[in-house]
């Protein structure tokens, strides 16, 4: 969730994955997938930065990385011999 503010200054949290688009007319309007619209104080650039930070935090948490102990990922010595199986489904399923 990201925290944004209504025009009255009241903060509220919104799921950034539900935002379809952001309109600037000149107020910033968040348009959700279901058509709901929220007018917020933040600018387009601020909203985009909030969403980027939110998603970066999710990736960092999923990798269990902190800013101080980030280590490079080890790769096999010979990348040509790495076999990655492709997902398959039983015949007859669509």
C-alpha atoms as a PDB file:
ATOM      1  CA  UNK A   1       0.000   0.000   0.000  1.00  0.00           C
ATOM      2  CA  UNK A   2       1.089   3.564  -0.638  1.00  0.00           C
ATOM      3  CA  UNK A   3      -0.004   6.523   1.466  1.00  0.00           C
ATOM      4  CA  UNK A   4      -1.479   9.518  -0.377  1.00  0.00           C
ATOM      5  CA  UNK A   5      -3.482  12.546   0.799  1.00  0.00           C
ATOM      6  CA  UNK A   6      -6.886  13.818  -0.222  1.00  0.00           C
ATOM      7  CA  UNK A   7      -7.218  17.510  -1.097  1.00  0.00           C
ATOM      8  CA  UNK A   8      -8.327  18.073   2.507  1.00  0.00           C
ATOM      9  CA  UNK A   9      -4.976  16.683   3.691  1.00  0.00           C
ATOM     10  CA  UNK A  10      -6.483  13.475   5.070  1.00  0.00           C
ATOM     11  CA  UNK A  11      -4.096  10.568   4.372  1.00  0.00           C
ATOM     12  CA  UNK A  12      -5.310   7.219   3.072  1.00  0.00           C
ATOM     13  CA  UNK A  13      -3.678   4.041   1.773  1.00  0.00           C
ATOM     14  CA  UNK A  14      -4.283   2.615  -1.673  1.00  0.00           C
ATOM     15  CA  UNK A  15      -3.093  -0.539  -3.402  1.00  0.00           C
ATOM     16  CA  UNK A  16      -0.889   0.664  -6.300  1.00  0.00           C
ATOM     17  CA  UNK A  17      -1.576  -2.556  -8.231  1.00  0.00           C
ATOM     18  CA  UNK A  18      -5.185  -1.390  -8.652  1.00  0.00           C
ATOM     19  CA  UNK A  19      -4.244   1.931 -10.279  1.00  0.00           C
ATOM     20  CA  UNK A  20      -5.046   1.863 -13.991  1.00  0.00           C
ATOM     21  CA  UNK A  21      -3.892   5.376 -14.784  1.00  0.00           C
ATOM     22  CA  UNK A  22      -3.034   8.741 -13.270  1.00  0.00           C
ATOM     23  CA  UNK A  23      -4.596  11.878 -14.752  1.00  0.00           C
ATOM     24  CA  UNK A  24      -3.421  15.459 -14.227  1.00  0.00           C
ATOM     25  CA  UNK A  25      -6.215  17.943 -15.031  1.00  0.00           C
ATOM     26  CA  UNK A  26      -4.632  20.039 -13.147  1.00  0.00           C
ATOM     27  CA  UNK A  27      -5.503  18.012 -10.028  1.00  0.00           C
ATOM     28  CA  UNK A  28      -3.953  14.569  -9.799  1.00  0.00           C
ATOM     29  CA  UNK A  29      -6.609  11.877 -10.192  1.00  0.00           C
ATOM     30  CA  UNK A  30      -5.956   8.198  -9.512  1.00  0.00           C
ATOM     31  CA  UNK A  31      -8.233   6.043 -11.668  1.00  0.00           C
ATOM     32  CA  UNK A  32      -8.555   2.468 -10.420  1.00  0.00           C
ATOM     33  CA  UNK A  33      -9.279  -0.631 -12.491  1.00  0.00           C
ATOM     34  CA  UNK A  34     -12.932  -0.598 -11.397  1.00  0.00           C
ATOM     35  CA  UNK A  35     -13.345   3.055 -12.467  1.00  0.00           C
ATOM     36  CA  UNK A  36     -13.162   4.563  -8.974  1.00  0.00           C
ATOM     37  CA  UNK A  37     -11.458   7.963  -8.993  1.00  0.00           C
ATOM     38  CA  UNK A  38      -9.521   9.619  -6.181  1.00  0.00           C
ATOM     39  CA  UNK A  39      -8.294  13.217  -6.307  1.00  0.00           C
ATOM     40  CA  UNK A  40      -5.028  13.506  -4.381  1.00  0.00           C
ATOM     41  CA  UNK A  41      -2.572  16.229  -3.353  1.00  0.00           C
ATOM     42  CA  UNK A  42       0.516  14.463  -4.710  1.00  0.00           C
ATOM     43  CA  UNK A  43       1.807  15.191  -8.210  1.00  0.00           C
ATOM     44  CA  UNK A  44       2.152  12.603 -10.966  1.00  0.00           C
ATOM     45  CA  UNK A  45       5.906  12.364 -10.344  1.00  0.00           C
ATOM     46  CA  UNK A  46       5.384  11.855  -6.604  1.00  0.00           C
ATOM     47  CA  UNK A  47       2.838   9.073  -7.193  1.00  0.00           C
ATOM     48  CA  UNK A  48       5.141   7.317  -9.667  1.00  0.00           C
ATOM     49  CA  UNK A  49       8.040   7.562  -7.174  1.00  0.00           C
ATOM     50  CA  UNK A  50       5.841   6.146  -4.384  1.00  0.00           C
ATOM     51  CA  UNK A  51       4.840   3.197  -6.587  1.00  0.00           C
ATOM     52  CA  UNK A  52       8.447   2.542  -7.646  1.00  0.00           C
ATOM     53  CA  UNK A  53       9.619   2.630  -4.014  1.00  0.00           C
ATOM     54  CA  UNK A  54       6.771   0.333  -2.985  1.00  0.00           C
ATOM     55  CA  UNK A  55       7.629  -2.261  -5.654  1.00  0.00           C
ATOM     56  CA  UNK A  56      11.373  -2.027  -4.966  1.00  0.00           C
ATOM     57  CA  UNK A  57      10.686  -2.671  -1.276  1.00  0.00           C
ATOM     58  CA  UNK A  58       8.661  -5.774  -2.154  1.00  0.00           C
ATOM     59  CA  UNK A  59      11.473  -7.160  -4.301  1.00  0.00           C
ATOM     60  CA  UNK A  60      14.085  -6.367  -1.641  1.00  0.00           C
ATOM     61  CA  UNK A  61      11.967  -8.049   1.058  1.00  0.00           C
ATOM     62  CA  UNK A  62      11.393 -11.112  -1.106  1.00  0.00           C
ATOM     63  CA  UNK A  63      15.140 -11.463  -1.607  1.00  0.00           C
ATOM     64  CA  UNK A  64      15.738 -10.701   2.067  1.00  0.00           C
ATOM     65  CA  UNK A  65      18.274  -8.031   1.144  1.00  0.00           C
ATOM     66  CA  UNK A  66      19.202  -5.121   3.330  1.00  0.00           C
ATOM     67  CA  UNK A  67      21.119  -2.123   2.060  1.00  0.00           C
ATOM     68  CA  UNK A  68      24.230  -3.165   4.018  1.00  0.00           C
ATOM     69  CA  UNK A  69      24.534  -6.846   3.146  1.00  0.00           C
ATOM     70  CA  UNK A  70      23.647  -7.012  -0.543  1.00  0.00           C
ATOM     71  CA  UNK A  71      25.907  -9.599  -2.177  1.00  0.00           C
ATOM     72  CA  UNK A  72      26.213 -10.542  -5.843  1.00  0.00           C
ATOM     73  CA  UNK A  73      24.368 -13.665  -6.913  1.00  0.00           C
ATOM     74  CA  UNK A  74      26.659 -16.594  -7.734  1.00  0.00           C
ATOM     75  CA  UNK A  75      26.263 -18.008 -11.221  1.00  0.00           C
ATOM     76  CA  UNK A  76      27.439 -21.345 -12.567  1.00  0.00           C
ATOM     77  CA  UNK A  77      30.917 -21.197 -14.111  1.00  0.00           C
ATOM     78  CA  UNK A  78      29.688 -22.453 -17.487  1.00  0.00           C
ATOM     79  CA  UNK A  79      26.414 -20.712 -18.429  1.00  0.00           C
ATOM     80  CA  UNK A  80      26.106 -22.784 -21.633  1.00  0.00           C
ATOM     81  CA  UNK A  81      25.500 -26.010 -19.695  1.00  0.00           C
ATOM     82  CA  UNK A  82      22.626 -24.731 -17.564  1.00  0.00           C
ATOM     83  CA  UNK A  83      19.355 -26.525 -18.333  1.00  0.00           C
ATOM     84  CA  UNK A  84      16.147 -24.742 -17.414  1.00  0.00           C
ATOM     85  CA  UNK A  85      13.023 -26.893 -17.798  1.00  0.00           C
ATOM     86  CA  UNK A  86      10.043 -25.217 -19.428  1.00  0.00           C
ATOM     87  CA  UNK A  87       6.639 -25.500 -17.768  1.00  0.00           C
ATOM     88  CA  UNK A  88       4.407 -28.043 -19.460  1.00  0.00           C
ATOM     89  CA  UNK A  89       0.800 -29.083 -19.093  1.00  0.00           C
ATOM     90  CA  UNK A  90      -0.802 -32.444 -19.807  1.00  0.00           C
ATOM     91  CA  UNK A  91      -2.204 -32.903 -23.290  1.00  0.00           C
ATOM     92  CA  UNK A  92      -5.862 -32.089 -23.715  1.00  0.00           C
ATOM     93  CA  UNK A  93      -5.780 -29.093 -21.333  1.00  0.00           C
ATOM     94  CA  UNK A  94      -6.092 -25.598 -22.691  1.00  0.00           C
END
